[in-house]
């Protein structure tokens, strides 16, 4: 469903923001980039496309994964202790 929405976007590739759930986004990023990456909740990926139109995307694309941000990358993020029970 996400793949069809991306390909149905009119015009030349320009910034496009998709907000969705997994495993859909993880599969979409893997389909576009040819790379499977862990995609935890709240992750953000950005891809540089060389296609002339969104409809021109067709797997396997191997478009470059320009960046991937995960919540664990945030300053101060790390393993957290669960709160103590009273």
PDB file of N, CA and C in Angstrom:
ATOM      1  N   UNK A   1       0.821  -1.187   0.000  1.00  0.00           N
ATOM      2  CA  UNK A   1       0.000   0.000   0.000  1.00  0.00           C
ATOM      3  C   UNK A   1       0.877   1.269   0.000  1.00  0.00           C
ATOM      4  N   UNK A   2       1.945   1.291   0.808  1.00  0.00           N
ATOM      5  CA  UNK A   2       2.822   2.473   0.827  1.00  0.00           C
ATOM      6  C   UNK A   2       3.535   2.634  -0.515  1.00  0.00           C
ATOM      7  N   UNK A   3       3.990   1.521  -1.078  1.00  0.00           N
ATOM      8  CA  UNK A   3       4.687   1.554  -2.363  1.00  0.00           C
ATOM      9  C   UNK A   3       3.776   2.159  -3.435  1.00  0.00           C
ATOM     10  N   UNK A   4       2.519   1.742  -3.449  1.00  0.00           N
ATOM     11  CA  UNK A   4       1.561   2.256  -4.425  1.00  0.00           C
ATOM     12  C   UNK A   4       1.317   3.748  -4.212  1.00  0.00           C
ATOM     13  N   UNK A   5       1.240   4.184  -2.973  1.00  0.00           N
ATOM     14  CA  UNK A   5       1.031   5.615  -2.691  1.00  0.00           C
ATOM     15  C   UNK A   5       2.215   6.450  -3.171  1.00  0.00           C
ATOM     16  N   UNK A   6       3.426   5.967  -2.907  1.00  0.00           N
ATOM     17  CA  UNK A   6       4.620   6.701  -3.348  1.00  0.00           C
ATOM     18  C   UNK A   6       4.625   6.804  -4.867  1.00  0.00           C
ATOM     19  N   UNK A   7       4.396   5.695  -5.548  1.00  0.00           N
ATOM     20  CA  UNK A   7       4.424   5.691  -7.014  1.00  0.00           C
ATOM     21  C   UNK A   7       3.291   6.522  -7.618  1.00  0.00           C
ATOM     22  N   UNK A   8       2.195   6.709  -6.893  1.00  0.00           N
ATOM     23  CA  UNK A   8       1.065   7.495  -7.390  1.00  0.00           C
ATOM     24  C   UNK A   8       1.227   8.993  -7.140  1.00  0.00           C
ATOM     25  N   UNK A   9       2.278   9.385  -6.419  1.00  0.00           N
ATOM     26  CA  UNK A   9       2.509  10.808  -6.146  1.00  0.00           C
ATOM     27  C   UNK A   9       2.832  11.512  -7.458  1.00  0.00           C
ATOM     28  N   UNK A  10       2.108  12.582  -7.798  1.00  0.00           N
ATOM     29  CA  UNK A  10       2.354  13.251  -9.078  1.00  0.00           C
ATOM     30  C   UNK A  10       3.656  14.050  -9.076  1.00  0.00           C
ATOM     31  N   UNK A  11       4.198  14.221 -10.264  1.00  0.00           N
ATOM     32  CA  UNK A  11       5.356  15.088 -10.450  1.00  0.00           C
ATOM     33  C   UNK A  11       6.684  14.408 -10.189  1.00  0.00           C
ATOM     34  N   UNK A  12       7.720  15.241 -10.275  1.00  0.00           N
ATOM     35  CA  UNK A  12       9.086  14.784 -10.054  1.00  0.00           C
ATOM     36  C   UNK A  12       9.338  14.607  -8.563  1.00  0.00           C
ATOM     37  N   UNK A  13      10.239  13.694  -8.211  1.00  0.00           N
ATOM     38  CA  UNK A  13      10.544  13.521  -6.795  1.00  0.00           C
ATOM     39  C   UNK A  13      11.010  14.818  -6.145  1.00  0.00           C
ATOM     40  N   UNK A  14      10.371  15.145  -5.073  1.00  0.00           N
ATOM     41  CA  UNK A  14      10.728  16.269  -4.224  1.00  0.00           C
ATOM     42  C   UNK A  14      10.482  15.780  -2.801  1.00  0.00           C
ATOM     43  N   UNK A  15      10.772  16.568  -1.799  1.00  0.00           N
ATOM     44  CA  UNK A  15      10.561  16.046  -0.442  1.00  0.00           C
ATOM     45  C   UNK A  15       9.146  15.492  -0.262  1.00  0.00           C
ATOM     46  N   UNK A  16       9.100  14.303   0.294  1.00  0.00           N
ATOM     47  CA  UNK A  16       7.836  13.610   0.554  1.00  0.00           C
ATOM     48  C   UNK A  16       7.934  12.990   1.934  1.00  0.00           C
ATOM     49  N   UNK A  17       7.001  13.309   2.792  1.00  0.00           N
ATOM     50  CA  UNK A  17       6.995  12.783   4.148  1.00  0.00           C
ATOM     51  C   UNK A  17       5.909  11.722   4.262  1.00  0.00           C
ATOM     52  N   UNK A  18       6.305  10.541   4.696  1.00  0.00           N
ATOM     53  CA  UNK A  18       5.361   9.460   4.956  1.00  0.00           C
ATOM     54  C   UNK A  18       5.390   9.152   6.436  1.00  0.00           C
ATOM     55  N   UNK A  19       4.246   9.073   7.041  1.00  0.00           N
ATOM     56  CA  UNK A  19       4.131   8.687   8.439  1.00  0.00           C
ATOM     57  C   UNK A  19       3.267   7.440   8.450  1.00  0.00           C
ATOM     58  N   UNK A  20       3.833   6.345   8.936  1.00  0.00           N
ATOM     59  CA  UNK A  20       3.107   5.081   8.917  1.00  0.00           C
ATOM     60  C   UNK A  20       3.690   4.155   9.976  1.00  0.00           C
ATOM     61  N   UNK A  21       3.141   2.977  10.042  1.00  0.00           N
ATOM     62  CA  UNK A  21       3.572   1.981  11.017  1.00  0.00           C
ATOM     63  C   UNK A  21       4.476   0.940  10.361  1.00  0.00           C
ATOM     64  N   UNK A  22       5.186   0.227  11.186  1.00  0.00           N
ATOM     65  CA  UNK A  22       5.959  -0.909  10.725  1.00  0.00           C
ATOM     66  C   UNK A  22       5.070  -2.129  10.722  1.00  0.00           C
ATOM     67  N   UNK A  23       5.363  -3.093   9.908  1.00  0.00           N
ATOM     68  CA  UNK A  23       6.584  -3.223   9.117  1.00  0.00           C
ATOM     69  C   UNK A  23       6.549  -2.477   7.788  1.00  0.00           C
ATOM     70  N   UNK A  24       5.488  -1.737   7.512  1.00  0.00           N
ATOM     71  CA  UNK A  24       5.347  -1.075   6.221  1.00  0.00           C
ATOM     72  C   UNK A  24       6.486  -0.140   5.858  1.00  0.00           C
ATOM     73  N   UNK A  25       6.869   0.745   6.769  1.00  0.00           N
ATOM     74  CA  UNK A  25       7.955   1.681   6.452  1.00  0.00           C
ATOM     75  C   UNK A  25       9.290   0.971   6.285  1.00  0.00           C
ATOM     76  N   UNK A  26       9.546  -0.005   7.125  1.00  0.00           N
ATOM     77  CA  UNK A  26      10.804  -0.748   7.014  1.00  0.00           C
ATOM     78  C   UNK A  26      10.888  -1.459   5.663  1.00  0.00           C
ATOM     79  N   UNK A  27       9.788  -2.070   5.241  1.00  0.00           N
ATOM     80  CA  UNK A  27       9.751  -2.738   3.937  1.00  0.00           C
ATOM     81  C   UNK A  27       9.918  -1.732   2.800  1.00  0.00           C
ATOM     82  N   UNK A  28       9.268  -0.576   2.913  1.00  0.00           N
ATOM     83  CA  UNK A  28       9.370   0.438   1.863  1.00  0.00           C
ATOM     84  C   UNK A  28      10.807   0.926   1.720  1.00  0.00           C
ATOM     85  N   UNK A  29      11.451   1.250   2.825  1.00  0.00           N
ATOM     86  CA  UNK A  29      12.845   1.714   2.766  1.00  0.00           C
ATOM     87  C   UNK A  29      13.734   0.623   2.172  1.00  0.00           C
ATOM     88  N   UNK A  30      13.526  -0.616   2.558  1.00  0.00           N
ATOM     89  CA  UNK A  30      14.320  -1.719   2.007  1.00  0.00           C
ATOM     90  C   UNK A  30      14.064  -1.877   0.509  1.00  0.00           C
ATOM     91  N   UNK A  31      12.825  -1.710   0.101  1.00  0.00           N
ATOM     92  CA  UNK A  31      12.480  -1.859  -1.319  1.00  0.00           C
ATOM     93  C   UNK A  31      13.107  -0.757  -2.157  1.00  0.00           C
ATOM     94  N   UNK A  32      13.132   0.453  -1.637  1.00  0.00           N
ATOM     95  CA  UNK A  32      13.694   1.576  -2.388  1.00  0.00           C
ATOM     96  C   UNK A  32      15.219   1.557  -2.381  1.00  0.00           C
ATOM     97  N   UNK A  33      15.814   1.210  -1.242  1.00  0.00           N
ATOM     98  CA  UNK A  33      17.273   1.299  -1.124  1.00  0.00           C
ATOM     99  C   UNK A  33      17.994  -0.014  -1.404  1.00  0.00           C
ATOM    100  N   UNK A  34      17.275  -1.127  -1.310  1.00  0.00           N
ATOM    101  CA  UNK A  34      17.936  -2.421  -1.455  1.00  0.00           C
ATOM    102  C   UNK A  34      18.673  -2.836  -0.195  1.00  0.00           C
ATOM    103  N   UNK A  35      18.472  -2.100   0.890  1.00  0.00           N
ATOM    104  CA  UNK A  35      19.134  -2.393   2.176  1.00  0.00           C
ATOM    105  C   UNK A  35      18.084  -2.595   3.255  1.00  0.00           C
ATOM    106  N   UNK A  36      18.186  -3.688   3.959  1.00  0.00           N
ATOM    107  CA  UNK A  36      17.304  -3.927   5.100  1.00  0.00           C
ATOM    108  C   UNK A  36      17.967  -3.337   6.339  1.00  0.00           C
ATOM    109  N   UNK A  37      17.275  -2.429   6.988  1.00  0.00           N
ATOM    110  CA  UNK A  37      17.784  -1.785   8.202  1.00  0.00           C
ATOM    111  C   UNK A  37      16.743  -1.939   9.300  1.00  0.00           C
ATOM    112  N   UNK A  38      17.176  -2.146  10.550  1.00  0.00           N
ATOM    113  CA  UNK A  38      16.213  -2.143  11.642  1.00  0.00           C
ATOM    114  C   UNK A  38      15.541  -0.771  11.716  1.00  0.00           C
ATOM    115  N   UNK A  39      14.249  -0.761  11.852  1.00  0.00           N
ATOM    116  CA  UNK A  39      13.487   0.477  11.824  1.00  0.00           C
ATOM    117  C   UNK A  39      12.589   0.518  13.047  1.00  0.00           C
ATOM    118  N   UNK A  40      13.124   0.918  14.211  1.00  0.00           N
ATOM    119  CA  UNK A  40      12.321   0.929  15.432  1.00  0.00           C
ATOM    120  C   UNK A  40      11.273   2.043  15.414  1.00  0.00           C
ATOM    121  N   UNK A  41      10.384   2.008  16.372  1.00  0.00           N
ATOM    122  CA  UNK A  41       9.374   3.043  16.521  1.00  0.00           C
ATOM    123  C   UNK A  41      10.032   4.419  16.532  1.00  0.00           C
ATOM    124  N   UNK A  42       9.456   5.357  15.804  1.00  0.00           N
ATOM    125  CA  UNK A  42       9.886   6.751  15.716  1.00  0.00           C
ATOM    126  C   UNK A  42      11.162   6.953  14.902  1.00  0.00           C
ATOM    127  N   UNK A  43      11.593   5.953  14.157  1.00  0.00           N
ATOM    128  CA  UNK A  43      12.770   6.113  13.302  1.00  0.00           C
ATOM    129  C   UNK A  43      12.413   6.986  12.102  1.00  0.00           C
ATOM    130  N   UNK A  44      13.429   7.651  11.540  1.00  0.00           N
ATOM    131  CA  UNK A  44      13.259   8.503  10.372  1.00  0.00           C
ATOM    132  C   UNK A  44      14.351   8.143   9.377  1.00  0.00           C
ATOM    133  N   UNK A  45      13.959   7.913   8.129  1.00  0.00           N
ATOM    134  CA  UNK A  45      14.930   7.619   7.069  1.00  0.00           C
ATOM    135  C   UNK A  45      14.754   8.637   5.959  1.00  0.00           C
ATOM    136  N   UNK A  46      15.832   8.983   5.305  1.00  0.00           N
ATOM    137  CA  UNK A  46      15.731   9.824   4.131  1.00  0.00           C
ATOM    138  C   UNK A  46      16.581   9.205   3.033  1.00  0.00           C
ATOM    139  N   UNK A  47      16.016   9.278   1.820  1.00  0.00           N
ATOM    140  CA  UNK A  47      16.586   8.607   0.654  1.00  0.00           C
ATOM    141  C   UNK A  47      16.724   9.631  -0.465  1.00  0.00           C
ATOM    142  N   UNK A  48      17.839   9.579  -1.180  1.00  0.00           N
ATOM    143  CA  UNK A  48      18.036  10.437  -2.353  1.00  0.00           C
ATOM    144  C   UNK A  48      17.617   9.636  -3.586  1.00  0.00           C
ATOM    145  N   UNK A  49      16.677  10.191  -4.331  1.00  0.00           N
ATOM    146  CA  UNK A  49      16.152   9.486  -5.494  1.00  0.00           C
ATOM    147  C   UNK A  49      16.726  10.048  -6.782  1.00  0.00           C
ATOM    148  N   UNK A  50      16.975   9.170  -7.731  1.00  0.00           N
ATOM    149  CA  UNK A  50      17.461   9.612  -9.032  1.00  0.00           C
ATOM    150  C   UNK A  50      16.400   9.446 -10.112  1.00  0.00           C
ATOM    151  N   UNK A  51      15.232   8.939  -9.775  1.00  0.00           N
ATOM    152  CA  UNK A  51      14.153   8.764 -10.750  1.00  0.00           C
ATOM    153  C   UNK A  51      13.618  10.120 -11.193  1.00  0.00           C
ATOM    154  N   UNK A  52      13.152  10.192 -12.444  1.00  0.00           N
ATOM    155  CA  UNK A  52      12.609  11.440 -12.977  1.00  0.00           C
ATOM    156  C   UNK A  52      11.185  11.693 -12.485  1.00  0.00           C
ATOM    157  N   UNK A  53      10.508  10.640 -12.057  1.00  0.00           N
ATOM    158  CA  UNK A  53       9.139  10.766 -11.549  1.00  0.00           C
ATOM    159  C   UNK A  53       8.917   9.685 -10.505  1.00  0.00           C
ATOM    160  N   UNK A  54       8.011   9.961  -9.567  1.00  0.00           N
ATOM    161  CA  UNK A  54       7.695   8.956  -8.545  1.00  0.00           C
ATOM    162  C   UNK A  54       7.235   7.665  -9.208  1.00  0.00           C
ATOM    163  N   UNK A  55       6.461   7.791 -10.270  1.00  0.00           N
ATOM    164  CA  UNK A  55       5.945   6.601 -10.944  1.00  0.00           C
ATOM    165  C   UNK A  55       7.055   5.791 -11.601  1.00  0.00           C
ATOM    166  N   UNK A  56       8.235   6.384 -11.766  1.00  0.00           N
ATOM    167  CA  UNK A  56       9.362   5.681 -12.376  1.00  0.00           C
ATOM    168  C   UNK A  56      10.102   4.766 -11.425  1.00  0.00           C
ATOM    169  N   UNK A  57       9.759   4.802 -10.149  1.00  0.00           N
ATOM    170  CA  UNK A  57      10.411   3.908  -9.196  1.00  0.00           C
ATOM    171  C   UNK A  57       9.942   2.488  -9.431  1.00  0.00           C
ATOM    172  N   UNK A  58      10.885   1.588  -9.487  1.00  0.00           N
ATOM    173  CA  UNK A  58      10.546   0.179  -9.632  1.00  0.00           C
ATOM    174  C   UNK A  58      11.639  -0.642  -9.000  1.00  0.00           C
ATOM    175  N   UNK A  59      11.295  -1.568  -8.131  1.00  0.00           N
ATOM    176  CA  UNK A  59      12.323  -2.320  -7.424  1.00  0.00           C
ATOM    177  C   UNK A  59      13.074  -3.255  -8.355  1.00  0.00           C
ATOM    178  N   UNK A  60      14.259  -3.669  -8.033  1.00  0.00           N
ATOM    179  CA  UNK A  60      15.045  -3.104  -6.928  1.00  0.00           C
ATOM    180  C   UNK A  60      15.701  -1.807  -7.371  1.00  0.00           C
ATOM    181  N   UNK A  61      15.660  -0.821  -6.548  1.00  0.00           N
ATOM    182  CA  UNK A  61      16.145   0.500  -6.923  1.00  0.00           C
ATOM    183  C   UNK A  61      17.580   0.769  -6.499  1.00  0.00           C
ATOM    184  N   UNK A  62      17.941   0.355  -5.311  1.00  0.00           N
ATOM    185  CA  UNK A  62      19.259   0.661  -4.757  1.00  0.00           C
ATOM    186  C   UNK A  62      19.523   2.166  -4.744  1.00  0.00           C
ATOM    187  N   UNK A  63      18.486   2.935  -4.398  1.00  0.00           N
ATOM    188  CA  UNK A  63      18.661   4.372  -4.211  1.00  0.00           C
ATOM    189  C   UNK A  63      19.437   4.559  -2.908  1.00  0.00           C
ATOM    190  N   UNK A  64      20.309   5.549  -2.835  1.00  0.00           N
ATOM    191  CA  UNK A  64      21.122   5.689  -1.629  1.00  0.00           C
ATOM    192  C   UNK A  64      20.317   6.092  -0.394  1.00  0.00           C
ATOM    193  N   UNK A  65      20.571   5.387   0.677  1.00  0.00           N
ATOM    194  CA  UNK A  65      20.011   5.749   1.976  1.00  0.00           C
ATOM    195  C   UNK A  65      20.867   6.891   2.495  1.00  0.00           C
ATOM    196  N   UNK A  66      20.312   8.103   2.460  1.00  0.00           N
ATOM    197  CA  UNK A  66      21.074   9.294   2.835  1.00  0.00           C
ATOM    198  C   UNK A  66      21.219   9.428   4.337  1.00  0.00           C
ATOM    199  N   UNK A  67      20.283   8.869   5.084  1.00  0.00           N
ATOM    200  CA  UNK A  67      20.371   8.955   6.531  1.00  0.00           C
ATOM    201  C   UNK A  67      19.308   8.122   7.200  1.00  0.00           C
ATOM    202  N   UNK A  68      19.601   7.721   8.404  1.00  0.00           N
ATOM    203  CA  UNK A  68      18.658   6.973   9.219  1.00  0.00           C
ATOM    204  C   UNK A  68      18.856   7.426  10.654  1.00  0.00           C
ATOM    205  N   UNK A  69      17.795   7.947  11.246  1.00  0.00           N
ATOM    206  CA  UNK A  69      17.844   8.388  12.642  1.00  0.00           C
ATOM    207  C   UNK A  69      16.936   7.496  13.455  1.00  0.00           C
ATOM    208  N   UNK A  70      17.468   7.027  14.567  1.00  0.00           N
ATOM    209  CA  UNK A  70      16.699   6.205  15.498  1.00  0.00           C
ATOM    210  C   UNK A  70      16.639   6.932  16.840  1.00  0.00           C
ATOM    211  N   UNK A  71      15.590   6.707  17.622  1.00  0.00           N
ATOM    212  CA  UNK A  71      15.505   7.366  18.926  1.00  0.00           C
ATOM    213  C   UNK A  71      16.741   7.133  19.790  1.00  0.00           C
ATOM    214  N   UNK A  72      17.387   5.996  19.631  1.00  0.00           N
ATOM    215  CA  UNK A  72      18.591   5.727  20.426  1.00  0.00           C
ATOM    216  C   UNK A  72      19.747   6.644  20.036  1.00  0.00           C
ATOM    217  N   UNK A  73      19.623   7.349  18.906  1.00  0.00           N
ATOM    218  CA  UNK A  73      20.658   8.300  18.478  1.00  0.00           C
ATOM    219  C   UNK A  73      20.531   9.651  19.177  1.00  0.00           C
ATOM    220  N   UNK A  74      19.426   9.890  19.873  1.00  0.00           N
ATOM    221  CA  UNK A  74      19.194  11.179  20.530  1.00  0.00           C
ATOM    222  C   UNK A  74      20.179  11.382  21.677  1.00  0.00           C
ATOM    223  N   UNK A  75      20.613  12.630  21.882  1.00  0.00           N
ATOM    224  CA  UNK A  75      21.520  12.888  22.999  1.00  0.00           C
ATOM    225  C   UNK A  75      20.897  12.419  24.312  1.00  0.00           C
ATOM    226  N   UNK A  76      21.682  11.742  25.106  1.00  0.00           N
ATOM    227  CA  UNK A  76      21.217  11.267  26.405  1.00  0.00           C
ATOM    228  C   UNK A  76      20.427   9.980  26.336  1.00  0.00           C
ATOM    229  N   UNK A  77      20.175   9.491  25.112  1.00  0.00           N
ATOM    230  CA  UNK A  77      19.426   8.237  24.992  1.00  0.00           C
ATOM    231  C   UNK A  77      20.348   7.075  25.352  1.00  0.00           C
ATOM    232  N   UNK A  78      19.774   6.065  25.816  1.00  0.00           N
ATOM    233  CA  UNK A  78      20.530   4.875  26.162  1.00  0.00           C
ATOM    234  C   UNK A  78      19.651   3.956  26.967  1.00  0.00           C
ATOM    235  N   UNK A  79      20.212   2.898  27.445  1.00  0.00           N
ATOM    236  CA  UNK A  79      19.396   1.982  28.246  1.00  0.00           C
ATOM    237  C   UNK A  79      18.811   2.710  29.449  1.00  0.00           C
ATOM    238  N   UNK A  80      17.574   2.483  29.683  1.00  0.00           N
ATOM    239  CA  UNK A  80      16.897   3.127  30.807  1.00  0.00           C
ATOM    240  C   UNK A  80      16.452   2.068  31.804  1.00  0.00           C
ATOM    241  N   UNK A  81      16.591   2.408  33.042  1.00  0.00           N
ATOM    242  CA  UNK A  81      16.121   1.517  34.113  1.00  0.00           C
ATOM    243  C   UNK A  81      14.631   1.712  34.257  1.00  0.00           C
ATOM    244  N   UNK A  82      13.879   0.652  34.439  1.00  0.00           N
ATOM    245  CA  UNK A  82      12.452   0.831  34.689  1.00  0.00           C
ATOM    246  C   UNK A  82      12.252   1.533  36.022  1.00  0.00           C
ATOM    247  N   UNK A  83      11.151   2.271  36.152  1.00  0.00           N
ATOM    248  CA  UNK A  83      10.925   2.961  37.431  1.00  0.00           C
ATOM    249  C   UNK A  83      10.755   1.960  38.563  1.00  0.00           C
ATOM    250  N   UNK A  84      11.201   2.361  39.715  1.00  0.00           N
ATOM    251  CA  UNK A  84      11.084   1.498  40.901  1.00  0.00           C
ATOM    252  C   UNK A  84       9.621   1.425  41.317  1.00  0.00           C
ATOM    253  N   UNK A  85       9.216   0.275  41.713  1.00  0.00           N
ATOM    254  CA  UNK A  85       7.844   0.111  42.222  1.00  0.00           C
ATOM    255  C   UNK A  85       7.802   0.470  43.705  1.00  0.00           C
ATOM    256  N   UNK A  86       6.709   1.094  44.144  1.00  0.00           N
ATOM    257  CA  UNK A  86       6.602   1.463  45.569  1.00  0.00           C
ATOM    258  C   UNK A  86       6.484   0.247  46.468  1.00  0.00           C
TER     259      UNK A  86
END
